[in-house]
Amino acid sequence: MTTKITTAMFMALVINLGFAKGIGLTQGIMARESENDIWIATILSVLQGAVLMLITVWVIRRRPDMTILEQFDAIVGKWIGKVMALLAFVFFLGAYIAILITFVYHFMDYFLPEFPVWMFVLAAVAIPVYAVFHGLEVTARIAVLGVFSIVALNLLIMVGSLKDVELDRLLPVFETGFWNTVATTRHYDTDWAMATMTAGMILPLVNDTKSWAKGAVGGVLYGGILVLLWPILECGVLSAPQTGHYIVACMQMARSAQVGLFLHRYEMIMIAFFGISLLVQLMLLIFCASLAGSHVMGMKDYRGVVIPVSLILGGSGYFVVLNHNRAMSLLTNNWPVIALPIAIGLPLLGWLLGLMFKKKLAAAA
């Protein structure tokens, strides 16, 4: 993998990773826990994501030519490094399932209810696999287009909804308690965990080392601002209890928006813009899962495991999305418990080991 991407492309990837599920399923889950404080929980989560992203950048900067998994190999040996790679693979498997749930339920529940589930899963596997075989640069260029789509999506939802916003619905703050609001951030933390874990895998492919921190943290902050609009509008227009009633709260928000006199089905435009960001997420997760899988198998070229990895991801995701209750229980109860220890633990362990074995890491081939 010699092709490099620019810092702007990397920032676009980070923004896309935090957006689609962040406005889709995450806000509804958070609303069921912290009600009208979801916008505060979103802000807190973005700040936490920015800190974790900065730690990840510090870790990779020690050896800019190595991924976080390669650094573990250099410090603790290949066998323990394989265990770390397996943990990373488990994370990307879970993250792919979470995004597949978002992908399938947006399209199936609101547009194509009689469409077979396997066809959605096939699309969510085949299109990303084609992009992954062509390298990270293809996904990065699509991510730039995805950022423009996200901005357009937000502008249109503002035009169609601002007149209906009732700001008093955002008050009082911390009605469910401060610590409950902090605990609720774990759901959106899992979305930013995808960004930080991905950064640990692809930062060596970003060409300007000096701008890594600016691009990475900037991507989290800009992405967080773009997502923050949605919980504010959902509380102000739908109300928090109403938002919590829906699996895909953003689609109900889109249905309530009216842009101009003739454009009444705004959700049709929304899904076109939204779909680009979803595809970027699916592409990146298959790419990073393939990198982790190739590391476990001891292969230098990730392309050799793309097909088996995509079959594992797609097959697991298909089983989950067949049942709404199973999928939402996984997202709400199980996924944060699996994702956050891995996403927080690996960068912190990498930072600590790099501090203890600085010379060994610097001397590694």
Protein backbone atom coordinates (compact mmCIF):
# COMPACT_ATOMS: atom_id res chain seq x y z
CA MET A 1 0.00 0.00 0.00
CA THR A 2 2.10 2.87 -1.26
CA THR A 3 -0.65 5.26 -2.37
CA LYS A 4 -1.04 8.16 0.04
CA ILE A 5 -4.07 10.32 0.71
CA THR A 6 -4.12 13.99 1.70
CA THR A 7 -5.00 15.33 5.14
CA ALA A 8 -8.20 16.83 3.69
CA MET A 9 -9.24 13.39 2.45
CA PHE A 10 -8.48 11.90 5.86
CA MET A 11 -10.57 14.60 7.54
CA ALA A 12 -13.41 13.80 5.14
CA LEU A 13 -13.17 10.11 6.11
CA VAL A 14 -13.39 11.01 9.82
CA ILE A 15 -16.43 13.26 9.25
CA ASN A 16 -18.25 10.52 7.35
CA LEU A 17 -17.46 7.90 10.00
CA GLY A 18 -19.17 9.94 12.72
CA PHE A 19 -22.22 10.99 10.73
CA ALA A 20 -24.56 8.37 9.25
CA LYS A 21 -25.27 6.19 12.28
CA GLY A 22 -24.79 9.24 14.51
CA ILE A 23 -27.93 10.90 13.15
CA GLY A 24 -29.67 7.65 12.25
CA LEU A 25 -30.04 5.14 15.06
CA THR A 26 -27.81 6.64 17.76
CA GLN A 27 -29.98 9.67 18.53
CA GLY A 28 -33.10 7.56 19.02
CA ILE A 29 -31.24 5.25 21.42
CA MET A 30 -29.88 8.24 23.35
CA ALA A 31 -33.31 9.90 23.51
CA ARG A 32 -34.73 6.84 25.23
CA GLU A 33 -32.14 7.28 28.00
CA SER A 34 -31.53 11.00 28.48
CA GLU A 35 -34.61 12.50 26.74
CA ASN A 36 -34.12 16.16 25.81
CA ASP A 37 -30.48 16.14 26.99
CA ILE A 38 -29.39 14.20 23.88
CA TRP A 39 -27.85 17.35 22.41
CA ILE A 40 -25.71 17.78 25.55
CA ALA A 41 -24.71 14.10 25.44
CA THR A 42 -23.73 14.59 21.79
CA ILE A 43 -21.44 17.52 22.66
CA LEU A 44 -19.78 15.57 25.49
CA SER A 45 -19.25 12.59 23.22
CA VAL A 46 -17.64 14.72 20.52
CA LEU A 47 -15.17 16.12 23.06
CA GLN A 48 -14.35 12.61 24.28
CA GLY A 49 -13.85 11.47 20.69
CA ALA A 50 -11.48 14.39 20.00
CA VAL A 51 -9.32 13.46 23.01
CA LEU A 52 -9.14 9.78 22.02
CA MET A 53 -8.32 10.76 18.44
CA LEU A 54 -5.47 12.96 19.66
CA ILE A 55 -4.04 10.06 21.71
CA THR A 56 -4.23 7.82 18.62
CA VAL A 57 -2.33 10.40 16.57
CA TRP A 58 0.38 10.62 19.26
CA VAL A 59 0.77 6.84 19.21
CA ILE A 60 1.11 6.57 15.42
CA ARG A 61 3.44 9.59 15.21
CA ARG A 62 6.12 7.66 17.10
CA ARG A 63 6.52 5.47 14.04
CA PRO A 64 4.65 7.15 11.16
CA ASP A 65 5.40 4.21 8.87
CA MET A 66 3.61 1.70 11.14
CA THR A 67 -0.02 1.05 11.92
CA ILE A 68 -0.94 0.59 15.58
CA LEU A 69 -0.94 -3.19 15.05
CA GLU A 70 2.56 -3.11 13.54
CA GLN A 71 3.74 -1.13 16.56
CA PHE A 72 2.40 -3.85 18.87
CA ASP A 73 4.35 -6.41 16.81
CA ALA A 74 7.54 -4.39 17.21
CA ILE A 75 7.15 -3.95 20.96
CA VAL A 76 5.58 -7.15 22.33
CA GLY A 77 6.24 -9.65 19.55
CA LYS A 78 4.21 -11.15 16.74
CA TRP A 79 2.05 -13.56 18.74
CA ILE A 80 0.77 -10.95 21.18
CA GLY A 81 0.51 -8.63 18.17
CA LYS A 82 -1.80 -11.19 16.54
CA VAL A 83 -4.02 -11.14 19.64
CA MET A 84 -4.24 -7.34 19.34
CA ALA A 85 -5.05 -7.71 15.64
CA LEU A 86 -7.79 -10.21 16.49
CA LEU A 87 -9.29 -7.72 18.95
CA ALA A 88 -9.20 -5.06 16.25
CA PHE A 89 -10.92 -7.47 13.84
CA VAL A 90 -13.66 -8.15 16.40
CA PHE A 91 -14.15 -4.39 16.72
CA PHE A 92 -14.45 -3.84 12.97
CA LEU A 93 -16.81 -6.80 12.70
CA GLY A 94 -19.10 -5.27 15.32
CA ALA A 95 -18.81 -1.81 13.76
CA TYR A 96 -19.72 -3.20 10.33
CA ILE A 97 -22.81 -4.89 11.79
CA ALA A 98 -23.82 -1.60 13.46
CA ILE A 99 -23.54 0.30 10.17
CA LEU A 100 -25.29 -2.50 8.27
CA ILE A 101 -28.22 -2.20 10.68
CA THR A 102 -28.34 1.52 9.90
CA PHE A 103 -28.10 0.87 6.15
CA VAL A 104 -30.77 -1.84 5.97
CA TYR A 105 -33.33 -0.23 8.28
CA HIS A 106 -33.14 3.15 6.53
CA PHE A 107 -33.90 1.65 3.15
CA MET A 108 -36.12 -1.28 4.14
CA ASP A 109 -38.32 0.37 6.77
CA TYR A 110 -38.98 3.59 4.84
CA PHE A 111 -38.64 2.84 1.12
CA LEU A 112 -38.49 -0.84 0.18
CA PRO A 113 -40.32 -2.86 2.87
CA GLU A 114 -40.93 -5.88 0.59
CA PHE A 115 -37.35 -6.02 -0.69
CA PRO A 116 -35.49 -9.16 0.49
CA VAL A 117 -32.98 -8.47 3.25
CA TRP A 118 -30.25 -10.45 1.51
CA MET A 119 -30.26 -8.00 -1.40
CA PHE A 120 -29.52 -5.06 0.93
CA VAL A 121 -26.71 -7.07 2.51
CA LEU A 122 -25.36 -8.06 -0.90
CA ALA A 123 -25.20 -4.38 -1.91
CA ALA A 124 -23.56 -3.48 1.41
CA VAL A 125 -20.86 -6.08 0.73
CA ALA A 126 -20.32 -6.03 -3.04
CA ILE A 127 -20.01 -2.26 -3.55
CA PRO A 128 -17.54 -1.70 -0.67
CA VAL A 129 -15.48 -4.76 -1.69
CA TYR A 130 -15.09 -3.37 -5.22
CA ALA A 131 -13.83 -0.07 -3.74
CA VAL A 132 -11.54 -1.79 -1.22
CA PHE A 133 -9.78 -3.74 -3.98
CA HIS A 134 -8.95 -0.41 -5.64
CA GLY A 135 -7.31 0.99 -2.51
CA LEU A 136 -7.99 3.62 0.14
CA GLU A 137 -7.75 6.55 -2.25
CA VAL A 138 -11.00 5.57 -3.97
CA THR A 139 -12.88 5.57 -0.65
CA ALA A 140 -11.22 8.85 0.36
CA ARG A 141 -12.35 10.59 -2.83
CA ILE A 142 -15.91 9.36 -2.30
CA ALA A 143 -15.68 10.63 1.29
CA VAL A 144 -14.97 14.16 0.01
CA LEU A 145 -18.17 13.93 -2.04
CA GLY A 146 -19.85 12.57 1.09
CA VAL A 147 -18.93 15.70 3.06
CA PHE A 148 -20.55 17.92 0.44
CA SER A 149 -23.63 15.70 0.59
CA ILE A 150 -23.72 15.95 4.39
CA VAL A 151 -23.53 19.75 4.25
CA ALA A 152 -26.30 19.87 1.63
CA LEU A 153 -28.39 17.48 3.72
CA ASN A 154 -28.03 19.67 6.80
CA LEU A 155 -28.80 22.88 4.93
CA LEU A 156 -31.99 21.40 3.49
CA ILE A 157 -33.19 20.03 6.84
CA MET A 158 -32.61 23.47 8.37
CA VAL A 159 -34.59 25.19 5.61
CA GLY A 160 -37.44 22.73 6.04
CA SER A 161 -37.53 22.59 9.84
CA LEU A 162 -36.33 25.79 11.52
CA LYS A 163 -39.77 27.39 11.35
CA ASP A 164 -41.18 24.54 13.46
CA VAL A 165 -38.50 24.53 16.18
CA GLU A 166 -39.69 25.21 19.73
CA LEU A 167 -36.56 25.93 21.77
CA ASP A 168 -38.35 25.51 25.10
CA ARG A 169 -38.42 21.77 24.37
CA LEU A 170 -34.65 21.72 24.93
CA LEU A 171 -35.18 22.74 28.56
CA PRO A 172 -34.72 22.00 31.40
CA VAL A 173 -31.21 20.60 31.03
CA PHE A 174 -30.03 17.52 32.92
CA GLU A 175 -33.63 16.58 33.70
CA THR A 176 -32.60 12.92 33.87
CA GLY A 177 -29.46 13.77 35.85
CA PHE A 178 -25.95 14.86 34.93
CA TRP A 179 -24.37 11.43 35.33
CA ASN A 180 -27.13 9.77 33.33
CA THR A 181 -26.40 12.21 30.49
CA VAL A 182 -22.69 11.41 30.74
CA ALA A 183 -23.48 7.67 30.68
CA THR A 184 -25.64 8.17 27.59
CA THR A 185 -22.60 9.42 25.66
CA ARG A 186 -21.39 5.81 25.39
CA HIS A 187 -23.74 5.25 22.46
CA TYR A 188 -22.29 8.06 20.35
CA ASP A 189 -18.81 7.24 21.68
CA THR A 190 -19.05 3.98 19.73
CA ASP A 191 -19.45 6.00 16.51
CA TRP A 192 -16.32 8.04 17.19
CA ALA A 193 -14.58 4.83 18.25
CA MET A 194 -14.90 3.75 14.61
CA ALA A 195 -13.04 6.90 13.59
CA THR A 196 -10.22 6.48 16.13
CA MET A 197 -9.72 2.78 15.40
CA THR A 198 -9.71 3.50 11.68
CA ALA A 199 -7.18 6.29 12.22
CA GLY A 200 -4.87 3.81 13.95
CA MET A 201 -4.96 1.67 10.80
CA ILE A 202 -4.75 4.27 8.02
CA LEU A 203 -2.76 7.23 9.40
CA PRO A 204 0.49 5.86 7.88
CA LEU A 205 -1.24 6.31 4.51
CA VAL A 206 -1.81 10.05 5.11
CA ASN A 207 0.99 12.00 3.46
CA ASP A 208 1.57 15.00 5.75
CA THR A 209 2.62 13.84 9.22
CA LYS A 210 2.68 17.37 10.66
CA SER A 211 -1.00 17.95 9.89
CA TRP A 212 -2.26 14.63 11.29
CA ALA A 213 -3.48 16.09 14.59
CA LYS A 214 -5.18 19.03 12.92
CA GLY A 215 -6.92 16.82 10.36
CA ALA A 216 -7.92 14.11 12.83
CA VAL A 217 -9.23 16.31 15.64
CA GLY A 218 -10.69 18.78 13.14
CA GLY A 219 -12.60 15.92 11.51
CA VAL A 220 -14.11 14.91 14.84
CA LEU A 221 -15.08 18.48 15.76
CA TYR A 222 -16.49 19.41 12.34
CA GLY A 223 -18.30 16.08 12.13
CA GLY A 224 -19.69 16.60 15.62
CA ILE A 225 -21.06 20.03 14.68
CA LEU A 226 -22.78 18.54 11.62
CA VAL A 227 -24.35 15.80 13.77
CA LEU A 228 -25.30 18.18 16.61
CA LEU A 229 -27.86 19.92 14.41
CA TRP A 230 -30.00 16.78 14.35
CA PRO A 231 -30.66 16.22 18.09
CA ILE A 232 -31.40 19.93 18.47
CA LEU A 233 -33.94 19.82 15.64
CA GLU A 234 -35.37 16.49 16.76
CA CYS A 235 -35.96 17.80 20.29
CA GLY A 236 -37.21 21.16 19.04
CA VAL A 237 -39.55 19.79 16.36
CA LEU A 238 -40.51 16.23 17.28
CA SER A 239 -39.77 16.41 21.05
CA ALA A 240 -37.40 14.01 22.82
CA PRO A 241 -40.06 11.41 23.81
CA GLN A 242 -41.28 11.28 20.21
CA THR A 243 -37.70 10.92 18.93
CA GLY A 244 -37.18 7.98 21.28
CA HIS A 245 -40.18 6.16 19.81
CA TYR A 246 -38.47 5.63 16.46
CA ILE A 247 -35.69 3.25 15.48
CA VAL A 248 -34.55 5.62 12.71
CA ALA A 249 -35.36 9.02 14.23
CA CYS A 250 -33.72 11.08 11.48
CA MET A 251 -36.10 9.68 8.84
CA GLN A 252 -39.11 10.79 10.87
CA MET A 253 -37.44 14.18 11.22
CA ALA A 254 -36.97 14.28 7.45
CA ARG A 255 -40.63 13.42 6.90
CA SER A 256 -41.68 16.41 8.97
CA ALA A 257 -39.53 18.81 6.91
CA GLN A 258 -41.08 20.78 4.05
CA VAL A 259 -38.72 22.49 1.62
CA GLY A 260 -40.59 24.98 -0.56
CA LEU A 261 -44.12 24.51 -1.89
CA PHE A 262 -43.65 21.45 -4.04
CA LEU A 263 -40.95 19.34 -2.37
CA HIS A 264 -42.92 17.33 0.19
CA ARG A 265 -40.95 14.07 0.19
CA TYR A 266 -37.70 15.45 1.57
CA GLU A 267 -36.71 12.02 2.85
CA MET A 268 -36.22 10.91 -0.77
CA ILE A 269 -33.51 13.55 -1.20
CA MET A 270 -32.13 12.81 2.24
CA ILE A 271 -31.50 9.14 1.53
CA ALA A 272 -29.61 10.00 -1.66
CA PHE A 273 -27.21 12.27 0.25
CA PHE A 274 -27.17 10.06 3.32
CA GLY A 275 -26.38 6.91 1.35
CA ILE A 276 -22.96 8.22 0.27
CA SER A 277 -21.84 8.61 3.88
CA LEU A 278 -23.14 5.13 4.70
CA LEU A 279 -21.20 3.59 1.81
CA VAL A 280 -18.00 5.33 2.93
CA GLN A 281 -18.44 3.80 6.39
CA LEU A 282 -19.00 0.32 4.97
CA MET A 283 -15.97 0.64 2.66
CA LEU A 284 -13.67 1.77 5.46
CA LEU A 285 -14.79 -0.94 7.86
CA ILE A 286 -14.24 -3.73 5.34
CA PHE A 287 -10.85 -2.18 4.47
CA CYS A 288 -9.74 -1.99 8.12
CA ALA A 289 -11.16 -5.44 8.94
CA SER A 290 -9.14 -6.80 6.00
CA LEU A 291 -5.99 -5.10 7.31
CA ALA A 292 -6.57 -6.62 10.75
CA GLY A 293 -7.38 -10.02 9.23
CA SER A 294 -4.25 -10.02 7.09
CA HIS A 295 -2.25 -9.14 10.22
CA VAL A 296 -3.70 -12.11 12.09
CA MET A 297 -2.88 -14.40 9.15
CA GLY A 298 0.61 -12.96 8.71
CA MET A 299 -0.07 -11.76 5.15
CA LYS A 300 1.51 -8.62 3.75
CA ASP A 301 -1.20 -7.84 1.18
CA TYR A 302 -4.65 -7.24 2.65
CA ARG A 303 -6.32 -8.01 -0.70
CA GLY A 304 -5.80 -11.72 -0.11
CA VAL A 305 -8.33 -11.72 2.74
CA VAL A 306 -10.87 -9.16 1.47
CA ILE A 307 -13.31 -11.79 0.14
CA PRO A 308 -13.32 -14.10 3.20
CA VAL A 309 -13.43 -11.11 5.56
CA SER A 310 -16.35 -9.54 3.67
CA LEU A 311 -18.23 -12.88 3.78
CA ILE A 312 -17.74 -13.07 7.56
CA LEU A 313 -18.90 -9.46 8.00
CA GLY A 314 -21.83 -9.79 5.61
CA GLY A 315 -22.97 -13.16 6.97
CA SER A 316 -22.84 -11.98 10.59
CA GLY A 317 -24.64 -8.76 9.70
CA TYR A 318 -27.34 -10.63 7.77
CA PHE A 319 -28.11 -12.79 10.80
CA VAL A 320 -28.44 -9.70 13.03
CA VAL A 321 -30.59 -7.50 10.75
CA LEU A 322 -33.15 -10.25 10.15
CA ASN A 323 -34.68 -9.43 13.53
CA HIS A 324 -35.29 -5.80 14.60
CA ASN A 325 -35.41 -6.64 18.31
CA ARG A 326 -32.12 -8.56 18.13
CA ALA A 327 -30.45 -5.77 16.17
CA MET A 328 -31.57 -2.97 18.48
CA SER A 329 -30.70 -4.98 21.60
CA LEU A 330 -27.22 -5.54 20.20
CA LEU A 331 -26.76 -1.84 19.44
CA THR A 332 -28.17 -0.62 22.73
CA ASN A 333 -26.88 -3.15 25.25
CA ASN A 334 -23.98 -5.16 23.82
CA TRP A 335 -22.14 -3.02 21.31
CA PRO A 336 -20.93 -0.26 23.71
CA VAL A 337 -19.63 -2.93 26.12
CA ILE A 338 -17.63 -4.58 23.32
CA ALA A 339 -16.52 -1.52 21.36
CA LEU A 340 -15.38 0.97 23.97
CA PRO A 341 -12.91 -1.24 25.91
CA ILE A 342 -11.20 -2.16 22.62
CA ALA A 343 -11.29 1.34 21.10
CA ILE A 344 -10.04 3.01 24.29
CA GLY A 345 -7.76 0.21 25.49
CA LEU A 346 -5.70 -0.35 22.32
CA PRO A 347 -4.57 3.30 21.85
CA LEU A 348 -3.88 3.74 25.57
CA LEU A 349 -1.93 0.47 25.71
CA GLY A 350 -0.03 1.48 22.58
CA TRP A 351 0.80 4.86 24.12
CA LEU A 352 1.95 3.27 27.40
CA LEU A 353 4.05 0.53 25.75
CA GLY A 354 5.57 3.05 23.36
CA LEU A 355 6.58 5.15 26.35
CA MET A 356 8.13 2.20 28.15
CA PHE A 357 9.89 0.69 25.11
CA LYS A 358 10.68 3.81 23.11
CA LYS A 359 14.12 2.62 21.98
CA LYS A 360 12.86 -0.82 20.98
CA LEU A 361 10.09 0.74 18.87
CA ALA A 362 12.50 3.20 17.24
CA ALA A 363 14.95 0.40 16.39
CA ALA A 364 12.33 -1.94 14.89
CA ALA A 365 12.67 -2.61 11.18
